[in-house]
Amino acid sequence: QVQLVESGGGLVQPGGSLRLSCAVSGSSSRLYAMGWYRQAPGKQRELVAAIASGGATNYADSVKGRFTISRDNAKNTVYLQMTDLKPEDTAIYYCNTNTVGFRWAWGQGTQVTVSS
């Protein structure tokens, strides 16, 4: 059974940075396109960054230029470097595959709160 464990969230002031990690166990994440998603209170979960198995990346317009997704296939881990954080980035962040019609069970996510 595949397990996703997200970590690295926290409380940060506007303009600050955080680095999120997603450890994948039970499968080899390098075989899949992976994504970071977020869900803010009262809103639907949205994809904010994606990385293909070959390394190509895509970002939501709202985070483009501020967030960077990367992967370490040897560690079976996906990262999200977030800079210049804004209050509207406040959400629970999750990782999962970015393949249409295929998702592993969601992990618990990691809370990111941007506030002064």
C-alpha atoms as a PDB file:
ATOM      1  CA  GLN A   1       0.000   0.000   0.000  1.00  0.00           C
ATOM      2  CA  VAL A   2       1.364   3.383  -0.994  1.00  0.00           C
ATOM      3  CA  GLN A   3       1.832   5.917   1.775  1.00  0.00           C
ATOM      4  CA  LEU A   4       2.378   9.650   1.275  1.00  0.00           C
ATOM      5  CA  VAL A   5       3.865  11.650   4.137  1.00  0.00           C
ATOM      6  CA  GLU A   6       4.044  15.411   3.751  1.00  0.00           C
ATOM      7  CA  SER A   7       6.131  17.579   6.065  1.00  0.00           C
ATOM      8  CA  GLY A   8       7.777  20.975   6.350  1.00  0.00           C
ATOM      9  CA  GLY A   9       4.779  23.226   6.840  1.00  0.00           C
ATOM     10  CA  GLY A  10       4.437  25.843   9.523  1.00  0.00           C
ATOM     11  CA  LEU A  11       3.662  29.434  10.369  1.00  0.00           C
ATOM     12  CA  VAL A  12       5.586  32.002   8.360  1.00  0.00           C
ATOM     13  CA  GLN A  13       5.347  35.737   7.843  1.00  0.00           C
ATOM     14  CA  PRO A  14       4.445  37.208   4.459  1.00  0.00           C
ATOM     15  CA  GLY A  15       7.504  37.198   2.237  1.00  0.00           C
ATOM     16  CA  GLY A  16       8.963  34.194   3.997  1.00  0.00           C
ATOM     17  CA  SER A  17       9.949  30.791   2.654  1.00  0.00           C
ATOM     18  CA  LEU A  18       9.259  27.147   3.390  1.00  0.00           C
ATOM     19  CA  ARG A  19      10.371  23.873   1.885  1.00  0.00           C
ATOM     20  CA  LEU A  20       7.859  21.044   1.846  1.00  0.00           C
ATOM     21  CA  SER A  21       8.784  17.393   1.481  1.00  0.00           C
ATOM     22  CA  CYS A  22       6.687  14.434   0.377  1.00  0.00           C
ATOM     23  CA  ALA A  23       8.059  10.997   1.165  1.00  0.00           C
ATOM     24  CA  VAL A  24       6.549   8.183  -0.882  1.00  0.00           C
ATOM     25  CA  SER A  25       6.642   4.598   0.332  1.00  0.00           C
ATOM     26  CA  GLY A  26       5.210   1.449  -1.179  1.00  0.00           C
ATOM     27  CA  SER A  27       5.823   2.482  -4.770  1.00  0.00           C
ATOM     28  CA  SER A  28       8.451   4.141  -6.882  1.00  0.00           C
ATOM     29  CA  SER A  29       7.404   7.732  -7.396  1.00  0.00           C
ATOM     30  CA  ARG A  30       9.930   8.156 -10.217  1.00  0.00           C
ATOM     31  CA  LEU A  31       7.549   6.261 -12.496  1.00  0.00           C
ATOM     32  CA  TYR A  32       4.839   8.861 -12.127  1.00  0.00           C
ATOM     33  CA  ALA A  33       4.143  12.474 -12.761  1.00  0.00           C
ATOM     34  CA  MET A  34       3.763  14.003  -9.325  1.00  0.00           C
ATOM     35  CA  GLY A  35       2.029  17.097  -8.069  1.00  0.00           C
ATOM     36  CA  TRP A  36       1.639  19.339  -5.073  1.00  0.00           C
ATOM     37  CA  TYR A  37      -1.921  20.285  -4.275  1.00  0.00           C
ATOM     38  CA  ARG A  38      -3.417  22.604  -1.692  1.00  0.00           C
ATOM     39  CA  GLN A  39      -6.775  23.092  -0.074  1.00  0.00           C
ATOM     40  CA  ALA A  40      -7.703  26.289   1.677  1.00  0.00           C
ATOM     41  CA  PRO A  41     -10.668  26.473   4.087  1.00  0.00           C
ATOM     42  CA  GLY A  42     -13.928  26.449   2.184  1.00  0.00           C
ATOM     43  CA  LYS A  43     -12.235  25.859  -1.158  1.00  0.00           C
ATOM     44  CA  GLN A  44     -11.641  22.878  -3.391  1.00  0.00           C
ATOM     45  CA  ARG A  45      -8.283  21.184  -3.590  1.00  0.00           C
ATOM     46  CA  GLU A  46      -6.199  22.640  -6.410  1.00  0.00           C
ATOM     47  CA  LEU A  47      -3.019  21.624  -8.186  1.00  0.00           C
ATOM     48  CA  VAL A  48      -0.272  24.202  -7.687  1.00  0.00           C
ATOM     49  CA  ALA A  49       2.811  22.496  -9.111  1.00  0.00           C
ATOM     50  CA  ALA A  50       3.551  19.383 -11.139  1.00  0.00           C
ATOM     51  CA  ILE A  51       6.637  17.516 -12.252  1.00  0.00           C
ATOM     52  CA  ALA A  52       6.739  14.876 -14.952  1.00  0.00           C
ATOM     53  CA  SER A  53       8.718  11.678 -14.621  1.00  0.00           C
ATOM     54  CA  GLY A  54      11.247  13.246 -16.972  1.00  0.00           C
ATOM     55  CA  GLY A  55      11.520  16.388 -14.879  1.00  0.00           C
ATOM     56  CA  ALA A  56       9.438  18.909 -16.822  1.00  0.00           C
ATOM     57  CA  THR A  57       7.524  21.221 -14.484  1.00  0.00           C
ATOM     58  CA  ASN A  58       4.317  23.228 -14.562  1.00  0.00           C
ATOM     59  CA  TYR A  59       2.841  25.725 -12.126  1.00  0.00           C
ATOM     60  CA  ALA A  60      -0.431  27.399 -11.404  1.00  0.00           C
ATOM     61  CA  ASP A  61      -0.363  31.055 -12.364  1.00  0.00           C
ATOM     62  CA  SER A  62      -0.847  32.037  -8.734  1.00  0.00           C
ATOM     63  CA  VAL A  63       2.500  30.511  -7.699  1.00  0.00           C
ATOM     64  CA  LYS A  64       4.558  30.834 -10.850  1.00  0.00           C
ATOM     65  CA  GLY A  65       7.926  32.420 -10.125  1.00  0.00           C
ATOM     66  CA  ARG A  66       7.591  31.802  -6.381  1.00  0.00           C
ATOM     67  CA  PHE A  67       7.307  28.020  -6.017  1.00  0.00           C
ATOM     68  CA  THR A  68       9.664  25.357  -7.333  1.00  0.00           C
ATOM     69  CA  ILE A  69       8.852  21.660  -7.474  1.00  0.00           C
ATOM     70  CA  SER A  70      11.627  19.083  -7.612  1.00  0.00           C
ATOM     71  CA  ARG A  71      12.135  15.393  -7.031  1.00  0.00           C
ATOM     72  CA  ASP A  72      14.865  13.122  -5.698  1.00  0.00           C
ATOM     73  CA  ASN A  73      14.160   9.720  -7.199  1.00  0.00           C
ATOM     74  CA  ALA A  74      16.863   8.060  -5.109  1.00  0.00           C
ATOM     75  CA  LYS A  75      15.049   9.175  -1.959  1.00  0.00           C
ATOM     76  CA  ASN A  76      11.570   8.655  -3.437  1.00  0.00           C
ATOM     77  CA  THR A  77      10.772  12.191  -2.323  1.00  0.00           C
ATOM     78  CA  VAL A  78       9.163  15.210  -3.956  1.00  0.00           C
ATOM     79  CA  TYR A  79       9.836  18.758  -2.746  1.00  0.00           C
ATOM     80  CA  LEU A  80       8.135  22.120  -2.990  1.00  0.00           C
ATOM     81  CA  GLN A  81      10.285  25.170  -2.343  1.00  0.00           C
ATOM     82  CA  MET A  82       8.036  28.129  -1.603  1.00  0.00           C
ATOM     83  CA  THR A  83       9.328  31.697  -1.513  1.00  0.00           C
ATOM     84  CA  ASP A  84       7.718  35.129  -1.184  1.00  0.00           C
ATOM     85  CA  LEU A  85       4.788  33.532   0.580  1.00  0.00           C
ATOM     86  CA  LYS A  86       1.510  35.420   0.700  1.00  0.00           C
ATOM     87  CA  PRO A  87      -1.483  35.106   3.044  1.00  0.00           C
ATOM     88  CA  GLU A  88      -3.467  33.562   0.178  1.00  0.00           C
ATOM     89  CA  ASP A  89      -0.993  30.668   0.138  1.00  0.00           C
ATOM     90  CA  THR A  90      -2.404  29.558   3.485  1.00  0.00           C
ATOM     91  CA  ALA A  91      -3.729  26.017   3.033  1.00  0.00           C
ATOM     92  CA  ILE A  92      -3.084  22.373   3.726  1.00  0.00           C
ATOM     93  CA  TYR A  93      -0.588  21.099   1.173  1.00  0.00           C
ATOM     94  CA  TYR A  94      -0.679  17.560  -0.193  1.00  0.00           C
ATOM     95  CA  CYS A  95       1.269  15.601  -2.745  1.00  0.00           C
ATOM     96  CA  ASN A  96      -0.001  12.880  -5.046  1.00  0.00           C
ATOM     97  CA  THR A  97       0.327  11.632  -8.575  1.00  0.00           C
ATOM     98  CA  ASN A  98      -0.615  13.998 -11.367  1.00  0.00           C
ATOM     99  CA  THR A  99      -2.044  11.379 -13.680  1.00  0.00           C
ATOM    100  CA  VAL A 100      -5.624  11.687 -14.911  1.00  0.00           C
ATOM    101  CA  GLY A 101      -7.779   9.043 -13.274  1.00  0.00           C
ATOM    102  CA  PHE A 102      -5.039   7.723 -11.012  1.00  0.00           C
ATOM    103  CA  ARG A 103      -4.425   8.850  -7.447  1.00  0.00           C
ATOM    104  CA  TRP A 104      -3.007   7.176  -4.419  1.00  0.00           C
ATOM    105  CA  ALA A 105      -4.782   7.578  -1.093  1.00  0.00           C
ATOM    106  CA  TRP A 106      -4.215  11.116   0.152  1.00  0.00           C
ATOM    107  CA  GLY A 107      -1.868  11.671   3.041  1.00  0.00           C
ATOM    108  CA  GLN A 108      -2.564  13.945   5.990  1.00  0.00           C
ATOM    109  CA  GLY A 109      -0.971  16.925   4.321  1.00  0.00           C
ATOM    110  CA  THR A 110       1.056  19.674   5.943  1.00  0.00           C
ATOM    111  CA  GLN A 111      -0.412  22.976   7.115  1.00  0.00           C
ATOM    112  CA  VAL A 112       1.078  26.196   5.760  1.00  0.00           C
ATOM    113  CA  THR A 113      -0.053  29.397   7.428  1.00  0.00           C
ATOM    114  CA  VAL A 114       1.152  32.761   6.162  1.00  0.00           C
ATOM    115  CA  SER A 115       0.373  35.512   8.608  1.00  0.00           C
ATOM    116  CA  SER A 116       1.973  38.465  10.318  1.00  0.00           C
END
